[in-house]
Amino acid sequence: MSKEKTIDIKDGNQEEAVEQEKEQETTSEATETSEAGEDTNDEASAKAQEEKDPLEAAHEQIEQLKDQLLRTIAEFDNYKKRTIKEKAELILNGSEKTVTAILPVLDDFERAMADHTDDPTAIKEGMELIFKKFVKTLEGLGVKKIETDNQDFDVDYHEAIAMVPGMGDDKKGKVIDCVQTGYMLNDKVIRHAKVAVGQ
């Protein structure tokens, strides 16, 4: 009888072990199913975020570009206003440098006029000094005299107002006389020299 009991006990242990194994399998299957469900939920939420993210990113980019555009327009508008103001100031006060440079020459003329000397030599010397000072001032401002003595006639610098025939072959096409001096400002002709040309 003790043997039968032992067998029964062993059979009972085996049945319990089988039942425990079944329970463990069921639990693990349930766990796997729940994990799979969680994975599916995670994937779905990730997909939803991925779908939302490009749209939100696009909206953010649009806002940034909009802000950048508004700033650029404002900067350009300010630049335009500043440029217009600077041009207006240049038109009104562009000659300030020239006038300031010439004022000392004007002062010399006033002193010469105030001097009531009757000596013609002193008057002539004074006028020559003022003239040289004036020419030097103009040169300082970039004004240069156009040379005409023994120069070939050049339409870029000279304006022919007379043709002089019978001057010989060596004078043909050359400046014979300068009627009015021409001037250049920084390598730009501001007044052509009026000349007579040999024919």
Protein backbone atom coordinates (compact mmCIF):
# COMPACT_ATOMS: atom_id res chain seq x y z
CA MET A 1 0.00 0.00 0.00
CA SER A 2 2.84 2.36 0.73
CA LYS A 3 4.06 1.81 -2.81
CA GLU A 4 0.66 2.73 -4.25
CA LYS A 5 0.56 5.86 -2.13
CA THR A 6 4.00 6.78 -3.33
CA ILE A 7 2.96 6.30 -6.89
CA ASP A 8 -0.16 8.34 -6.28
CA ILE A 9 1.93 11.05 -4.72
CA LYS A 10 4.37 10.91 -7.57
CA ASP A 11 1.48 10.96 -10.05
CA GLY A 12 0.01 13.88 -8.12
CA ASN A 13 3.34 15.74 -8.24
CA GLN A 14 3.56 15.10 -11.92
CA GLU A 15 0.06 16.40 -12.44
CA GLU A 16 0.87 19.48 -10.35
CA ALA A 17 4.06 20.01 -12.33
CA VAL A 18 2.15 19.67 -15.60
CA GLU A 19 -0.46 22.12 -14.36
CA GLN A 20 2.23 24.56 -13.26
CA GLU A 21 3.90 24.28 -16.66
CA LYS A 22 0.57 24.94 -18.35
CA GLU A 23 0.00 27.97 -16.13
CA GLN A 24 3.47 29.26 -16.89
CA GLU A 25 2.92 28.80 -20.63
CA THR A 26 -0.44 30.61 -20.41
CA THR A 27 1.13 33.44 -18.42
CA SER A 28 4.04 33.76 -20.84
CA GLU A 29 1.62 33.72 -23.79
CA ALA A 30 -0.45 36.45 -22.12
CA THR A 31 2.69 38.45 -21.41
CA GLU A 32 3.86 38.07 -25.01
CA THR A 33 0.40 39.08 -26.25
CA SER A 34 0.37 42.15 -23.99
CA GLU A 35 3.95 43.07 -25.04
CA ALA A 36 2.97 42.66 -28.66
CA GLY A 37 -0.03 44.90 -28.02
CA GLU A 38 2.22 47.48 -26.37
CA ASP A 39 4.65 47.31 -29.31
CA THR A 40 1.76 47.88 -31.69
CA ASN A 41 0.58 50.87 -29.63
CA ASP A 42 4.13 52.29 -29.53
CA GLU A 43 4.48 51.90 -33.30
CA ALA A 44 1.11 53.56 -33.84
CA SER A 45 1.98 56.51 -31.59
CA ALA A 46 5.42 56.82 -33.27
CA LYS A 47 3.74 56.86 -36.66
CA ALA A 48 1.29 59.49 -35.45
CA GLN A 49 4.17 61.63 -34.15
CA GLU A 50 6.03 61.16 -37.42
CA GLU A 51 2.93 62.29 -39.31
CA LYS A 52 2.53 65.35 -37.05
CA ASP A 53 6.23 66.29 -36.93
CA PRO A 54 6.67 67.17 -40.67
CA LEU A 55 3.55 69.32 -40.55
CA GLU A 56 4.65 71.12 -37.41
CA ALA A 57 8.16 71.49 -38.81
CA ALA A 58 6.73 72.96 -42.01
CA HIS A 59 4.63 75.43 -40.00
CA GLU A 60 7.68 76.45 -37.93
CA GLN A 61 9.75 76.90 -41.09
CA ILE A 62 7.00 79.03 -42.66
CA GLU A 63 6.91 81.24 -39.56
CA GLN A 64 10.70 81.63 -39.58
CA LEU A 65 10.74 82.51 -43.28
CA LYS A 66 7.87 84.94 -42.77
CA ASP A 67 9.76 86.65 -39.94
CA GLN A 68 12.95 86.75 -42.01
CA LEU A 69 11.09 88.25 -44.98
CA LEU A 70 9.48 90.96 -42.82
CA ARG A 71 12.87 91.85 -41.32
CA THR A 72 14.50 92.00 -44.77
CA ILE A 73 11.71 94.24 -46.11
CA ALA A 74 12.08 96.55 -43.09
CA GLU A 75 15.87 96.71 -43.50
CA PHE A 76 15.56 97.46 -47.22
CA ASP A 77 12.98 100.17 -46.53
CA ASN A 78 15.32 101.78 -43.98
CA TYR A 79 18.23 101.54 -46.46
CA LYS A 80 16.12 103.18 -49.16
CA LYS A 81 15.12 106.05 -46.89
CA ARG A 82 18.72 106.54 -45.72
CA THR A 83 20.00 106.55 -49.33
CA ILE A 84 17.39 109.12 -50.42
CA LYS A 85 18.32 111.32 -47.45
CA GLU A 86 22.06 111.04 -48.25
CA LYS A 87 21.44 111.92 -51.91
CA ALA A 88 19.41 114.96 -50.91
CA GLU A 89 22.19 116.08 -48.56
CA LEU A 90 24.79 115.59 -51.32
CA ILE A 91 22.76 117.70 -53.74
CA LEU A 92 22.34 120.47 -51.16
CA ASN A 93 25.81 120.35 -49.61
CA GLY A 94 27.95 118.62 -52.25
CA SER A 95 29.79 121.84 -53.08
CA GLU A 96 30.74 122.47 -49.44
CA LYS A 97 34.30 121.19 -49.91
CA THR A 98 34.82 123.36 -53.01
CA VAL A 99 33.43 126.51 -51.42
CA THR A 100 35.50 125.97 -48.25
CA ALA A 101 38.66 125.62 -50.37
CA ILE A 102 37.92 128.78 -52.38
CA LEU A 103 37.04 131.03 -49.42
CA PRO A 104 40.73 131.90 -48.65
CA VAL A 105 41.10 133.14 -52.24
CA LEU A 106 37.99 135.29 -51.73
CA ASP A 107 39.58 136.67 -48.55
CA ASP A 108 42.70 137.63 -50.57
CA PHE A 109 40.51 139.45 -53.11
CA GLU A 110 38.79 141.36 -50.30
CA ARG A 111 42.16 142.43 -48.84
CA ALA A 112 43.39 143.48 -52.29
CA MET A 113 40.23 145.54 -52.84
CA ALA A 114 40.60 147.18 -49.41
CA ASP A 115 44.18 148.24 -50.20
CA HIS A 116 44.03 151.65 -51.91
CA THR A 117 47.57 151.68 -53.31
CA ASP A 118 48.23 153.50 -56.56
CA ASP A 119 51.34 151.47 -57.42
CA PRO A 120 50.46 149.46 -60.58
CA THR A 121 53.41 147.07 -60.06
CA ALA A 122 52.21 146.16 -56.53
CA ILE A 123 48.64 145.69 -57.80
CA LYS A 124 49.84 143.43 -60.62
CA GLU A 125 52.02 141.35 -58.28
CA GLY A 126 49.14 141.01 -55.82
CA MET A 127 46.79 139.85 -58.57
CA GLU A 128 49.35 137.32 -59.83
CA LEU A 129 49.78 135.92 -56.31
CA ILE A 130 46.02 135.59 -55.89
CA PHE A 131 45.73 133.97 -59.34
CA LYS A 132 48.46 131.39 -58.54
CA LYS A 133 46.81 130.64 -55.21
CA PHE A 134 43.47 130.15 -56.95
CA VAL A 135 44.97 127.78 -59.56
CA LYS A 136 46.71 125.80 -56.81
CA THR A 137 43.41 125.55 -54.90
CA LEU A 138 41.65 124.23 -58.01
CA GLU A 139 44.42 121.68 -58.58
CA GLY A 140 43.93 120.54 -54.98
CA LEU A 141 40.26 119.92 -55.85
CA GLY A 142 41.27 117.81 -58.88
CA VAL A 143 40.84 120.52 -61.55
CA LYS A 144 43.52 120.50 -64.27
CA LYS A 145 44.06 122.72 -67.30
CA ILE A 146 43.91 121.04 -70.72
CA GLU A 147 47.21 121.61 -72.51
CA THR A 148 46.91 123.07 -76.00
CA ASP A 149 50.39 124.40 -76.92
CA ASN A 150 51.72 122.48 -79.95
CA GLN A 151 49.22 119.67 -79.30
CA ASP A 152 47.55 117.55 -81.98
CA PHE A 153 43.86 118.34 -82.28
CA ASP A 154 41.89 115.80 -80.20
CA VAL A 155 38.10 115.87 -80.24
CA ASP A 156 38.08 114.34 -76.73
CA TYR A 157 39.72 117.48 -75.29
CA HIS A 158 39.43 120.23 -77.91
CA GLU A 159 36.61 122.02 -79.67
CA ALA A 160 37.59 123.55 -83.02
CA ILE A 161 36.03 126.97 -83.52
CA ALA A 162 38.24 128.00 -86.47
CA MET A 163 40.32 126.40 -89.21
CA VAL A 164 43.46 128.34 -90.16
CA PRO A 165 44.69 127.65 -93.76
CA GLY A 166 48.21 128.16 -95.12
CA MET A 167 50.09 127.27 -91.92
CA GLY A 168 52.27 124.61 -93.59
CA ASP A 169 52.28 120.85 -93.39
CA ASP A 170 53.90 120.76 -89.97
CA LYS A 171 50.95 122.71 -88.46
CA LYS A 172 48.27 120.73 -90.22
CA GLY A 173 45.91 119.13 -87.67
CA LYS A 174 47.63 120.91 -84.77
CA VAL A 175 46.28 123.49 -82.33
CA ILE A 176 47.37 126.95 -83.49
CA ASP A 177 45.72 129.06 -80.81
CA CYS A 178 43.61 128.58 -77.69
CA VAL A 179 40.65 130.94 -77.50
CA GLN A 180 39.24 129.56 -74.24
CA THR A 181 41.04 127.25 -71.79
CA GLY A 182 39.52 123.86 -71.14
CA TYR A 183 39.52 122.03 -67.81
CA MET A 184 39.33 118.48 -66.49
CA LEU A 185 38.04 117.31 -63.12
CA ASN A 186 39.61 114.03 -61.99
CA ASP A 187 40.36 112.92 -65.58
CA LYS A 188 36.88 113.94 -66.80
CA VAL A 189 36.54 116.83 -69.23
CA ILE A 190 34.26 119.46 -67.70
CA ARG A 191 34.96 122.06 -70.40
CA HIS A 192 36.56 121.49 -73.80
CA ALA A 193 39.31 123.86 -74.85
CA LYS A 194 38.11 126.14 -77.70
CA VAL A 195 40.91 126.24 -80.24
CA ALA A 196 41.91 127.24 -83.75
CA VAL A 197 43.32 124.38 -85.80
CA GLY A 198 45.80 124.44 -88.70
CA GLN A 199 44.42 123.31 -92.06
